[in-house]
Amino acid sequence: MASDLEFVRYVVDQIDASCAMSYRMMFGEYALYSNGKVVALICDNQLFVKPTEAGRAYIGDPTEAPPYPGAKLSFLIGDELEDREWLTRLVVLTEQALPAPKPKKKKARRKKTSGG
């Protein structure tokens, strides 16, 4: 079941603007970015935050579940979605703990050869 764009926008709106949140649809679900880093996924209208030690320490005893079949476990966020400050802090801690995204490789342009 694909996630609703309304739910995605709700989650993004719950997080402080300082996180520069954005989202991108991927395979019918959504990846959430904070300052250019993927920090969470939304699948089946549920928020799954990437697991980090900082996030685990902040949450305490997180509920963990895979966002989709075959995926690694993530922190499943439930009622905490309603707490803007709590959610923003989790996103900030997660973003800080994750490595910078790898630069995209430029595709090599093929030279046209004259046929012979």
PDB file of N, CA and C in Angstrom:
ATOM      1  N   MET A   1       0.852  -1.173   0.000  1.00  0.00           N
ATOM      2  CA  MET A   1       0.000   0.000   0.000  1.00  0.00           C
ATOM      3  C   MET A   1       0.897   1.236   0.000  1.00  0.00           C
ATOM      4  N   ALA A   2       0.683   2.119  -0.939  1.00  0.00           N
ATOM      5  CA  ALA A   2       1.475   3.343  -1.030  1.00  0.00           C
ATOM      6  C   ALA A   2       1.042   4.344   0.038  1.00  0.00           C
ATOM      7  N   SER A   3       1.977   5.176   0.423  1.00  0.00           N
ATOM      8  CA  SER A   3       1.696   6.200   1.422  1.00  0.00           C
ATOM      9  C   SER A   3       0.984   7.392   0.782  1.00  0.00           C
ATOM     10  N   ASP A   4       0.206   8.091   1.598  1.00  0.00           N
ATOM     11  CA  ASP A   4      -0.517   9.273   1.142  1.00  0.00           C
ATOM     12  C   ASP A   4       0.390  10.481   1.220  1.00  0.00           C
ATOM     13  N   LEU A   5       0.368  11.318   0.182  1.00  0.00           N
ATOM     14  CA  LEU A   5       1.153  12.535   0.171  1.00  0.00           C
ATOM     15  C   LEU A   5       0.760  13.450   1.339  1.00  0.00           C
ATOM     16  N   GLU A   6      -0.506  13.439   1.711  1.00  0.00           N
ATOM     17  CA  GLU A   6      -0.966  14.249   2.857  1.00  0.00           C
ATOM     18  C   GLU A   6      -0.231  13.845   4.133  1.00  0.00           C
ATOM     19  N   PHE A   7      -0.055  12.548   4.346  1.00  0.00           N
ATOM     20  CA  PHE A   7       0.656  12.072   5.531  1.00  0.00           C
ATOM     21  C   PHE A   7       2.120  12.516   5.483  1.00  0.00           C
ATOM     22  N   VAL A   8       2.741  12.407   4.323  1.00  0.00           N
ATOM     23  CA  VAL A   8       4.137  12.811   4.164  1.00  0.00           C
ATOM     24  C   VAL A   8       4.286  14.293   4.506  1.00  0.00           C
ATOM     25  N   ARG A   9       3.409  15.110   3.973  1.00  0.00           N
ATOM     26  CA  ARG A   9       3.462  16.550   4.250  1.00  0.00           C
ATOM     27  C   ARG A   9       3.232  16.843   5.730  1.00  0.00           C
ATOM     28  N   TYR A  10       2.342  16.094   6.354  1.00  0.00           N
ATOM     29  CA  TYR A  10       2.093  16.266   7.789  1.00  0.00           C
ATOM     30  C   TYR A  10       3.377  16.011   8.584  1.00  0.00           C
ATOM     31  N   VAL A  11       4.050  14.904   8.280  1.00  0.00           N
ATOM     32  CA  VAL A  11       5.283  14.554   8.998  1.00  0.00           C
ATOM     33  C   VAL A  11       6.332  15.641   8.782  1.00  0.00           C
ATOM     34  N   VAL A  12       6.528  16.053   7.539  1.00  0.00           N
ATOM     35  CA  VAL A  12       7.521  17.082   7.232  1.00  0.00           C
ATOM     36  C   VAL A  12       7.190  18.384   7.965  1.00  0.00           C
ATOM     37  N   ASP A  13       5.912  18.738   8.017  1.00  0.00           N
ATOM     38  CA  ASP A  13       5.491  19.961   8.707  1.00  0.00           C
ATOM     39  C   ASP A  13       5.691  19.880  10.219  1.00  0.00           C
ATOM     40  N   GLN A  14       5.764  18.683  10.767  1.00  0.00           N
ATOM     41  CA  GLN A  14       5.983  18.508  12.202  1.00  0.00           C
ATOM     42  C   GLN A  14       7.434  18.806  12.596  1.00  0.00           C
ATOM     43  N   ILE A  15       8.326  18.833  11.623  1.00  0.00           N
ATOM     44  CA  ILE A  15       9.752  18.987  11.889  1.00  0.00           C
ATOM     45  C   ILE A  15      10.164  20.434  11.614  1.00  0.00           C
ATOM     46  N   ASP A  16      10.954  20.996  12.516  1.00  0.00           N
ATOM     47  CA  ASP A  16      11.371  22.394  12.422  1.00  0.00           C
ATOM     48  C   ASP A  16      12.038  22.705  11.085  1.00  0.00           C
ATOM     49  N   ALA A  17      11.809  23.920  10.603  1.00  0.00           N
ATOM     50  CA  ALA A  17      12.342  24.355   9.308  1.00  0.00           C
ATOM     51  C   ALA A  17      13.866  24.338   9.258  1.00  0.00           C
ATOM     52  N   SER A  18      14.530  24.411  10.409  1.00  0.00           N
ATOM     53  CA  SER A  18      15.998  24.396  10.437  1.00  0.00           C
ATOM     54  C   SER A  18      16.567  23.093   9.877  1.00  0.00           C
ATOM     55  N   CYS A  19      15.755  22.066   9.828  1.00  0.00           N
ATOM     56  CA  CYS A  19      16.202  20.776   9.286  1.00  0.00           C
ATOM     57  C   CYS A  19      16.151  20.737   7.762  1.00  0.00           C
ATOM     58  N   ALA A  20      15.576  21.774   7.153  1.00  0.00           N
ATOM     59  CA  ALA A  20      15.481  21.849   5.685  1.00  0.00           C
ATOM     60  C   ALA A  20      14.954  20.535   5.104  1.00  0.00           C
ATOM     61  N   MET A  21      13.804  20.111   5.592  1.00  0.00           N
ATOM     62  CA  MET A  21      13.238  18.828   5.182  1.00  0.00           C
ATOM     63  C   MET A  21      12.760  18.865   3.734  1.00  0.00           C
ATOM     64  N   SER A  22      12.953  17.747   3.067  1.00  0.00           N
ATOM     65  CA  SER A  22      12.408  17.536   1.730  1.00  0.00           C
ATOM     66  C   SER A  22      12.071  16.060   1.615  1.00  0.00           C
ATOM     67  N   TYR A  23      11.364  15.712   0.560  1.00  0.00           N
ATOM     68  CA  TYR A  23      10.983  14.312   0.376  1.00  0.00           C
ATOM     69  C   TYR A  23      10.994  13.977  -1.103  1.00  0.00           C
ATOM     70  N   ARG A  24      11.094  12.681  -1.363  1.00  0.00           N
ATOM     71  CA  ARG A  24      11.126  12.206  -2.742  1.00  0.00           C
ATOM     72  C   ARG A  24      10.409  10.864  -2.807  1.00  0.00           C
ATOM     73  N   MET A  25       9.539  10.739  -3.784  1.00  0.00           N
ATOM     74  CA  MET A  25       8.821   9.477  -3.959  1.00  0.00           C
ATOM     75  C   MET A  25       9.769   8.445  -4.565  1.00  0.00           C
ATOM     76  N   MET A  26       9.746   7.259  -3.965  1.00  0.00           N
ATOM     77  CA  MET A  26      10.569   6.158  -4.452  1.00  0.00           C
ATOM     78  C   MET A  26       9.762   4.873  -4.350  1.00  0.00           C
ATOM     79  N   PHE A  27       9.463   4.275  -5.470  1.00  0.00           N
ATOM     80  CA  PHE A  27       8.756   2.998  -5.513  1.00  0.00           C
ATOM     81  C   PHE A  27       7.407   3.054  -4.790  1.00  0.00           C
ATOM     82  N   GLY A  28       6.710   4.174  -4.882  1.00  0.00           N
ATOM     83  CA  GLY A  28       5.397   4.312  -4.261  1.00  0.00           C
ATOM     84  C   GLY A  28       5.437   4.727  -2.811  1.00  0.00           C
ATOM     85  N   GLU A  29       6.627   4.834  -2.245  1.00  0.00           N
ATOM     86  CA  GLU A  29       6.804   5.281  -0.873  1.00  0.00           C
ATOM     87  C   GLU A  29       7.698   6.514  -0.904  1.00  0.00           C
ATOM     88  N   TYR A  30       8.114   7.016   0.260  1.00  0.00           N
ATOM     89  CA  TYR A  30       8.845   8.273   0.301  1.00  0.00           C
ATOM     90  C   TYR A  30      10.109   8.193   1.154  1.00  0.00           C
ATOM     91  N   ALA A  31      11.153   8.850   0.666  1.00  0.00           N
ATOM     92  CA  ALA A  31      12.371   9.060   1.443  1.00  0.00           C
ATOM     93  C   ALA A  31      12.318  10.490   1.954  1.00  0.00           C
ATOM     94  N   LEU A  32      12.672  10.680   3.235  1.00  0.00           N
ATOM     95  CA  LEU A  32      12.712  12.011   3.834  1.00  0.00           C
ATOM     96  C   LEU A  32      14.167  12.428   4.001  1.00  0.00           C
ATOM     97  N   TYR A  33      14.454  13.646   3.590  1.00  0.00           N
ATOM     98  CA  TYR A  33      15.800  14.191   3.648  1.00  0.00           C
ATOM     99  C   TYR A  33      15.847  15.343   4.642  1.00  0.00           C
ATOM    100  N   SER A  34      16.916  15.413   5.411  1.00  0.00           N
ATOM    101  CA  SER A  34      17.190  16.556   6.276  1.00  0.00           C
ATOM    102  C   SER A  34      18.534  17.114   5.841  1.00  0.00           C
ATOM    103  N   ASN A  35      18.526  18.338   5.355  1.00  0.00           N
ATOM    104  CA  ASN A  35      19.752  18.970   4.850  1.00  0.00           C
ATOM    105  C   ASN A  35      20.490  18.060   3.876  1.00  0.00           C
ATOM    106  N   GLY A  36      19.750  17.414   3.000  1.00  0.00           N
ATOM    107  CA  GLY A  36      20.333  16.591   1.950  1.00  0.00           C
ATOM    108  C   GLY A  36      20.655  15.156   2.310  1.00  0.00           C
ATOM    109  N   LYS A  37      20.471  14.754   3.570  1.00  0.00           N
ATOM    110  CA  LYS A  37      20.744  13.369   3.986  1.00  0.00           C
ATOM    111  C   LYS A  37      19.423  12.629   4.174  1.00  0.00           C
ATOM    112  N   VAL A  38      19.370  11.387   3.695  1.00  0.00           N
ATOM    113  CA  VAL A  38      18.185  10.565   3.929  1.00  0.00           C
ATOM    114  C   VAL A  38      18.184  10.162   5.397  1.00  0.00           C
ATOM    115  N   VAL A  39      17.171  10.622   6.123  1.00  0.00           N
ATOM    116  CA  VAL A  39      17.092  10.325   7.555  1.00  0.00           C
ATOM    117  C   VAL A  39      15.949   9.377   7.893  1.00  0.00           C
ATOM    118  N   ALA A  40      14.992   9.236   6.962  1.00  0.00           N
ATOM    119  CA  ALA A  40      13.818   8.420   7.279  1.00  0.00           C
ATOM    120  C   ALA A  40      13.112   7.993   6.002  1.00  0.00           C
ATOM    121  N   LEU A  41      12.248   7.009   6.168  1.00  0.00           N
ATOM    122  CA  LEU A  41      11.359   6.565   5.098  1.00  0.00           C
ATOM    123  C   LEU A  41       9.933   6.611   5.609  1.00  0.00           C
ATOM    124  N   ILE A  42       9.025   6.861   4.712  1.00  0.00           N
ATOM    125  CA  ILE A  42       7.607   6.716   5.035  1.00  0.00           C
ATOM    126  C   ILE A  42       7.076   5.610   4.142  1.00  0.00           C
ATOM    127  N   CYS A  43       6.609   4.553   4.773  1.00  0.00           N
ATOM    128  CA  CYS A  43       6.065   3.393   4.073  1.00  0.00           C
ATOM    129  C   CYS A  43       4.743   3.029   4.733  1.00  0.00           C
ATOM    130  N   ASP A  44       3.727   2.797   3.936  1.00  0.00           N
ATOM    131  CA  ASP A  44       2.398   2.454   4.458  1.00  0.00           C
ATOM    132  C   ASP A  44       1.935   3.453   5.516  1.00  0.00           C
ATOM    133  N   ASN A  45       2.198   4.733   5.260  1.00  0.00           N
ATOM    134  CA  ASN A  45       1.803   5.813   6.175  1.00  0.00           C
ATOM    135  C   ASN A  45       2.346   5.617   7.586  1.00  0.00           C
ATOM    136  N   GLN A  46       3.586   5.127   7.663  1.00  0.00           N
ATOM    137  CA  GLN A  46       4.290   4.996   8.929  1.00  0.00           C
ATOM    138  C   GLN A  46       5.678   5.596   8.750  1.00  0.00           C
ATOM    139  N   LEU A  47       6.194   6.234   9.819  1.00  0.00           N
ATOM    140  CA  LEU A  47       7.516   6.852   9.770  1.00  0.00           C
ATOM    141  C   LEU A  47       8.561   5.904  10.326  1.00  0.00           C
ATOM    142  N   PHE A  48       9.596   5.661   9.525  1.00  0.00           N
ATOM    143  CA  PHE A  48      10.713   4.810   9.907  1.00  0.00           C
ATOM    144  C   PHE A  48      11.983   5.652   9.842  1.00  0.00           C
ATOM    145  N   VAL A  49      12.596   5.898  10.993  1.00  0.00           N
ATOM    146  CA  VAL A  49      13.810   6.711  11.060  1.00  0.00           C
ATOM    147  C   VAL A  49      15.022   5.792  11.027  1.00  0.00           C
ATOM    148  N   LYS A  50      16.043   6.206  10.256  1.00  0.00           N
ATOM    149  CA  LYS A  50      17.264   5.403  10.178  1.00  0.00           C
ATOM    150  C   LYS A  50      17.853   5.216  11.570  1.00  0.00           C
ATOM    151  N   PRO A  51      18.260   4.014  11.897  1.00  0.00           N
ATOM    152  CA  PRO A  51      18.808   3.762  13.234  1.00  0.00           C
ATOM    153  C   PRO A  51      20.228   4.296  13.374  1.00  0.00           C
ATOM    154  N   THR A  52      20.464   5.009  14.465  1.00  0.00           N
ATOM    155  CA  THR A  52      21.799   5.474  14.834  1.00  0.00           C
ATOM    156  C   THR A  52      21.933   5.287  16.345  1.00  0.00           C
ATOM    157  N   GLU A  53      23.160   5.263  16.819  1.00  0.00           N
ATOM    158  CA  GLU A  53      23.363   5.138  18.265  1.00  0.00           C
ATOM    159  C   GLU A  53      22.805   6.366  18.989  1.00  0.00           C
ATOM    160  N   ALA A  54      22.970   7.543  18.393  1.00  0.00           N
ATOM    161  CA  ALA A  54      22.446   8.770  19.002  1.00  0.00           C
ATOM    162  C   ALA A  54      20.919   8.715  19.089  1.00  0.00           C
ATOM    163  N   GLY A  55      20.291   8.220  18.044  1.00  0.00           N
ATOM    164  CA  GLY A  55      18.833   8.090  18.045  1.00  0.00           C
ATOM    165  C   GLY A  55      18.361   7.077  19.069  1.00  0.00           C
ATOM    166  N   ARG A  56      19.077   5.977  19.164  1.00  0.00           N
ATOM    167  CA  ARG A  56      18.721   4.937  20.139  1.00  0.00           C
ATOM    168  C   ARG A  56      18.834   5.480  21.566  1.00  0.00           C
ATOM    169  N   ALA A  57      19.899   6.234  21.838  1.00  0.00           N
ATOM    170  CA  ALA A  57      20.087   6.810  23.170  1.00  0.00           C
ATOM    171  C   ALA A  57      18.979   7.823  23.471  1.00  0.00           C
ATOM    172  N   TYR A  58      18.575   8.583  22.470  1.00  0.00           N
ATOM    173  CA  TYR A  58      17.535   9.595  22.659  1.00  0.00           C
ATOM    174  C   TYR A  58      16.170   8.953  22.908  1.00  0.00           C
ATOM    175  N   ILE A  59      15.846   7.939  22.111  1.00  0.00           N
ATOM    176  CA  ILE A  59      14.537   7.284  22.233  1.00  0.00           C
ATOM    177  C   ILE A  59      14.479   6.435  23.501  1.00  0.00           C
ATOM    178  N   GLY A  60      15.563   5.764  23.803  1.00  0.00           N
ATOM    179  CA  GLY A  60      15.587   4.888  24.968  1.00  0.00           C
ATOM    180  C   GLY A  60      15.396   3.441  24.566  1.00  0.00           C
ATOM    181  N   ASP A  61      14.179   3.034  24.351  1.00  0.00           N
ATOM    182  CA  ASP A  61      13.867   1.670  23.947  1.00  0.00           C
ATOM    183  C   ASP A  61      13.000   1.732  22.689  1.00  0.00           C
ATOM    184  N   PRO A  62      13.624   1.945  21.522  1.00  0.00           N
ATOM    185  CA  PRO A  62      12.842   2.150  20.305  1.00  0.00           C
ATOM    186  C   PRO A  62      12.147   0.883  19.820  1.00  0.00           C
ATOM    187  N   THR A  63      11.005   1.077  19.192  1.00  0.00           N
ATOM    188  CA  THR A  63      10.351  -0.003  18.458  1.00  0.00           C
ATOM    189  C   THR A  63      11.060  -0.088  17.118  1.00  0.00           C
ATOM    190  N   GLU A  64      11.510  -1.278  16.760  1.00  0.00           N
ATOM    191  CA  GLU A  64      12.214  -1.445  15.494  1.00  0.00           C
ATOM    192  C   GLU A  64      11.439  -2.380  14.580  1.00  0.00           C
ATOM    193  N   ALA A  65      11.396  -1.993  13.310  1.00  0.00           N
ATOM    194  CA  ALA A  65      10.688  -2.789  12.310  1.00  0.00           C
ATOM    195  C   ALA A  65      11.259  -2.444  10.937  1.00  0.00           C
ATOM    196  N   PRO A  66      11.153  -3.360   9.990  1.00  0.00           N
ATOM    197  CA  PRO A  66      11.600  -3.042   8.637  1.00  0.00           C
ATOM    198  C   PRO A  66      10.534  -2.199   7.925  1.00  0.00           C
ATOM    199  N   PRO A  67      10.935  -1.155   7.205  1.00  0.00           N
ATOM    200  CA  PRO A  67       9.945  -0.333   6.509  1.00  0.00           C
ATOM    201  C   PRO A  67       9.253  -1.074   5.356  1.00  0.00           C
ATOM    202  N   TYR A  68       9.920  -2.074   4.815  1.00  0.00           N
ATOM    203  CA  TYR A  68       9.348  -2.886   3.740  1.00  0.00           C
ATOM    204  C   TYR A  68      10.005  -4.260   3.819  1.00  0.00           C
ATOM    205  N   PRO A  69       9.397  -5.283   3.233  1.00  0.00           N
ATOM    206  CA  PRO A  69       9.955  -6.639   3.323  1.00  0.00           C
ATOM    207  C   PRO A  69      11.397  -6.698   2.810  1.00  0.00           C
ATOM    208  N   GLY A  70      12.258  -7.292   3.610  1.00  0.00           N
ATOM    209  CA  GLY A  70      13.656  -7.454   3.240  1.00  0.00           C
ATOM    210  C   GLY A  70      14.547  -6.295   3.638  1.00  0.00           C
ATOM    211  N   ALA A  71      13.980  -5.234   4.185  1.00  0.00           N
ATOM    212  CA  ALA A  71      14.767  -4.068   4.586  1.00  0.00           C
ATOM    213  C   ALA A  71      15.384  -4.277   5.962  1.00  0.00           C
ATOM    214  N   LYS A  72      16.437  -3.503   6.238  1.00  0.00           N
ATOM    215  CA  LYS A  72      17.033  -3.510   7.575  1.00  0.00           C
ATOM    216  C   LYS A  72      16.059  -2.847   8.542  1.00  0.00           C
ATOM    217  N   LEU A  73      16.214  -3.140   9.819  1.00  0.00           N
ATOM    218  CA  LEU A  73      15.340  -2.547  10.831  1.00  0.00           C
ATOM    219  C   LEU A  73      15.579  -1.049  10.953  1.00  0.00           C
ATOM    220  N   SER A  74      14.507  -0.317  11.179  1.00  0.00           N
ATOM    221  CA  SER A  74      14.542   1.119  11.427  1.00  0.00           C
ATOM    222  C   SER A  74      13.732   1.392  12.675  1.00  0.00           C
ATOM    223  N   PHE A  75      13.841   2.623  13.196  1.00  0.00           N
ATOM    224  CA  PHE A  75      13.036   3.017  14.348  1.00  0.00           C
ATOM    225  C   PHE A  75      11.646   3.399  13.856  1.00  0.00           C
ATOM    226  N   LEU A  76      10.646   2.669  14.306  1.00  0.00           N
ATOM    227  CA  LEU A  76       9.260   2.955  13.950  1.00  0.00           C
ATOM    228  C   LEU A  76       8.721   3.988  14.932  1.00  0.00           C
ATOM    229  N   ILE A  77       8.301   5.124  14.408  1.00  0.00           N
ATOM    230  CA  ILE A  77       7.836   6.221  15.242  1.00  0.00           C
ATOM    231  C   ILE A  77       6.310   6.225  15.239  1.00  0.00           C
ATOM    232  N   GLY A  78       5.730   6.175  16.429  1.00  0.00           N
ATOM    233  CA  GLY A  78       4.272   6.117  16.555  1.00  0.00           C
ATOM    234  C   GLY A  78       3.694   7.424  17.043  1.00  0.00           C
ATOM    235  N   ASP A  79       3.198   7.418  18.266  1.00  0.00           N
ATOM    236  CA  ASP A  79       2.537   8.591  18.843  1.00  0.00           C
ATOM    237  C   ASP A  79       3.457   9.801  18.958  1.00  0.00           C
ATOM    238  N   GLU A  80       4.768   9.576  18.926  1.00  0.00           N
ATOM    239  CA  GLU A  80       5.715  10.682  19.045  1.00  0.00           C
ATOM    240  C   GLU A  80       5.606  11.657  17.869  1.00  0.00           C
ATOM    241  N   LEU A  81       4.934  11.250  16.794  1.00  0.00           N
ATOM    242  CA  LEU A  81       4.726  12.139  15.644  1.00  0.00           C
ATOM    243  C   LEU A  81       4.042  13.439  16.055  1.00  0.00           C
ATOM    244  N   GLU A  82       3.248  13.369  17.102  1.00  0.00           N
ATOM    245  CA  GLU A  82       2.495  14.540  17.557  1.00  0.00           C
ATOM    246  C   GLU A  82       3.380  15.549  18.280  1.00  0.00           C
ATOM    247  N   ASP A  83       4.551  15.126  18.748  1.00  0.00           N
ATOM    248  CA  ASP A  83       5.439  15.978  19.535  1.00  0.00           C
ATOM    249  C   ASP A  83       6.500  16.587  18.623  1.00  0.00           C
ATOM    250  N   ARG A  84       6.261  17.821  18.175  1.00  0.00           N
ATOM    251  CA  ARG A  84       7.138  18.490  17.206  1.00  0.00           C
ATOM    252  C   ARG A  84       8.578  18.605  17.708  1.00  0.00           C
ATOM    253  N   GLU A  85       8.751  19.015  18.947  1.00  0.00           N
ATOM    254  CA  GLU A  85      10.093  19.201  19.500  1.00  0.00           C
ATOM    255  C   GLU A  85      10.838  17.878  19.585  1.00  0.00           C
ATOM    256  N   TRP A  86      10.159  16.840  20.053  1.00  0.00           N
ATOM    257  CA  TRP A  86      10.770  15.518  20.181  1.00  0.00           C
ATOM    258  C   TRP A  86      11.198  15.000  18.806  1.00  0.00           C
ATOM    259  N   LEU A  87      10.306  15.110  17.840  1.00  0.00           N
ATOM    260  CA  LEU A  87      10.581  14.602  16.496  1.00  0.00           C
ATOM    261  C   LEU A  87      11.710  15.392  15.840  1.00  0.00           C
ATOM    262  N   THR A  88      11.695  16.699  15.993  1.00  0.00           N
ATOM    263  CA  THR A  88      12.762  17.525  15.423  1.00  0.00           C
ATOM    264  C   THR A  88      14.109  17.136  16.012  1.00  0.00           C
ATOM    265  N   ARG A  89      14.167  16.933  17.321  1.00  0.00           N
ATOM    266  CA  ARG A  89      15.429  16.555  17.968  1.00  0.00           C
ATOM    267  C   ARG A  89      15.930  15.214  17.447  1.00  0.00           C
ATOM    268  N   LEU A  90      15.023  14.257  17.255  1.00  0.00           N
ATOM    269  CA  LEU A  90      15.414  12.953  16.713  1.00  0.00           C
ATOM    270  C   LEU A  90      15.987  13.107  15.308  1.00  0.00           C
ATOM    271  N   VAL A  91      15.361  13.920  14.478  1.00  0.00           N
ATOM    272  CA  VAL A  91      15.846  14.138  13.111  1.00  0.00           C
ATOM    273  C   VAL A  91      17.220  14.799  13.136  1.00  0.00           C
ATOM    274  N   VAL A  92      17.403  15.793  13.990  1.00  0.00           N
ATOM    275  CA  VAL A  92      18.699  16.474  14.095  1.00  0.00           C
ATOM    276  C   VAL A  92      19.787  15.484  14.520  1.00  0.00           C
ATOM    277  N   LEU A  93      19.526  14.701  15.546  1.00  0.00           N
ATOM    278  CA  LEU A  93      20.509  13.717  16.018  1.00  0.00           C
ATOM    279  C   LEU A  93      20.831  12.687  14.936  1.00  0.00           C
ATOM    280  N   THR A  94      19.801  12.249  14.223  1.00  0.00           N
ATOM    281  CA  THR A  94      19.996  11.254  13.163  1.00  0.00           C
ATOM    282  C   THR A  94      20.834  11.837  12.040  1.00  0.00           C
ATOM    283  N   GLU A  95      20.486  13.030  11.607  1.00  0.00           N
ATOM    284  CA  GLU A  95      21.243  13.670  10.523  1.00  0.00           C
ATOM    285  C   GLU A  95      22.710  13.848  10.905  1.00  0.00           C
ATOM    286  N   GLN A  96      22.961  14.299  12.115  1.00  0.00           N
ATOM    287  CA  GLN A  96      24.337  14.525  12.567  1.00  0.00           C
ATOM    288  C   GLN A  96      25.135  13.230  12.626  1.00  0.00           C
ATOM    289  N   ALA A  97      24.481  12.118  12.915  1.00  0.00           N
ATOM    290  CA  ALA A  97      25.171  10.832  13.056  1.00  0.00           C
ATOM    291  C   ALA A  97      25.433  10.146  11.715  1.00  0.00           C
ATOM    292  N   LEU A  98      24.715  10.548  10.683  1.00  0.00           N
ATOM    293  CA  LEU A  98      24.861   9.891   9.382  1.00  0.00           C
ATOM    294  C   LEU A  98      25.982  10.531   8.568  1.00  0.00           C
ATOM    295  N   PRO A  99      26.667   9.732   7.757  1.00  0.00           N
ATOM    296  CA  PRO A  99      27.727  10.295   6.909  1.00  0.00           C
ATOM    297  C   PRO A  99      27.124  11.168   5.808  1.00  0.00           C
ATOM    298  N   ALA A 100      27.947  12.052   5.283  1.00  0.00           N
ATOM    299  CA  ALA A 100      27.505  12.893   4.172  1.00  0.00           C
ATOM    300  C   ALA A 100      27.211  12.001   2.973  1.00  0.00           C
ATOM    301  N   PRO A 101      26.227  12.385   2.162  1.00  0.00           N
ATOM    302  CA  PRO A 101      25.935  11.568   0.981  1.00  0.00           C
ATOM    303  C   PRO A 101      27.125  11.558   0.024  1.00  0.00           C
ATOM    304  N   LYS A 102      27.305  10.428  -0.623  1.00  0.00           N
ATOM    305  CA  LYS A 102      28.396  10.315  -1.587  1.00  0.00           C
ATOM    306  C   LYS A 102      28.066  11.170  -2.798  1.00  0.00           C
ATOM    307  N   PRO A 103      29.076  11.864  -3.346  1.00  0.00           N
ATOM    308  CA  PRO A 103      28.792  12.672  -4.533  1.00  0.00           C
ATOM    309  C   PRO A 103      28.400  11.778  -5.697  1.00  0.00           C
ATOM    310  N   LYS A 104      27.457  12.263  -6.475  1.00  0.00           N
ATOM    311  CA  LYS A 104      27.012  11.476  -7.630  1.00  0.00           C
ATOM    312  C   LYS A 104      28.091  11.524  -8.707  1.00  0.00           C
ATOM    313  N   LYS A 105      28.299  10.376  -9.318  1.00  0.00           N
ATOM    314  CA  LYS A 105      29.283  10.298 -10.394  1.00  0.00           C
ATOM    315  C   LYS A 105      28.667  10.876 -11.660  1.00  0.00           C
ATOM    316  N   LYS A 106      29.477  11.626 -12.366  1.00  0.00           N
ATOM    317  CA  LYS A 106      29.008  12.158 -13.637  1.00  0.00           C
ATOM    318  C   LYS A 106      29.093  11.050 -14.667  1.00  0.00           C
ATOM    319  N   LYS A 107      28.076  10.965 -15.483  1.00  0.00           N
ATOM    320  CA  LYS A 107      28.071   9.960 -16.528  1.00  0.00           C
ATOM    321  C   LYS A 107      29.021  10.392 -17.633  1.00  0.00           C
ATOM    322  N   ALA A 108      29.816   9.474 -18.060  1.00  0.00           N
ATOM    323  CA  ALA A 108      30.743   9.770 -19.151  1.00  0.00           C
ATOM    324  C   ALA A 108      29.961   9.889 -20.456  1.00  0.00           C
ATOM    325  N   ARG A 109      30.293  10.894 -21.186  1.00  0.00           N
ATOM    326  CA  ARG A 109      29.611  11.079 -22.466  1.00  0.00           C
ATOM    327  C   ARG A 109      30.303  10.202 -23.505  1.00  0.00           C
ATOM    328  N   ARG A 110      29.511   9.542 -24.270  1.00  0.00           N
ATOM    329  CA  ARG A 110      30.066   8.697 -25.337  1.00  0.00           C
ATOM    330  C   ARG A 110      30.376   9.557 -26.547  1.00  0.00           C
ATOM    331  N   LYS A 111      31.518   9.267 -27.099  1.00  0.00           N
ATOM    332  CA  LYS A 111      31.903   9.975 -28.330  1.00  0.00           C
ATOM    333  C   LYS A 111      31.202   9.299 -29.490  1.00  0.00           C
ATOM    334  N   LYS A 112      30.700  10.136 -30.354  1.00  0.00           N
ATOM    335  CA  LYS A 112      30.104   9.582 -31.574  1.00  0.00           C
ATOM    336  C   LYS A 112      31.214   9.211 -32.525  1.00  0.00           C
ATOM    337  N   THR A 113      31.076   8.039 -33.079  1.00  0.00           N
ATOM    338  CA  THR A 113      32.065   7.608 -34.067  1.00  0.00           C
ATOM    339  C   THR A 113      31.405   7.598 -35.430  1.00  0.00           C
ATOM    340  N   SER A 114      32.179   7.930 -36.378  1.00  0.00           N
ATOM    341  CA  SER A 114      31.606   7.896 -37.735  1.00  0.00           C
ATOM    342  C   SER A 114      31.606   6.456 -38.212  1.00  0.00           C
ATOM    343  N   GLY A 115      30.484   6.072 -38.765  1.00  0.00           N
ATOM    344  CA  GLY A 115      30.315   4.679 -39.199  1.00  0.00           C
ATOM    345  C   GLY A 115      31.128   4.413 -40.449  1.00  0.00           C
ATOM    346  N   GLY A 116      31.518   3.186 -40.653  1.00  0.00           N
ATOM    347  CA  GLY A 116      32.317   2.958 -41.828  1.00  0.00           C
ATOM    348  C   GLY A 116      32.158   1.661 -42.374  1.00  0.00           C
TER     349      GLY A 116
END
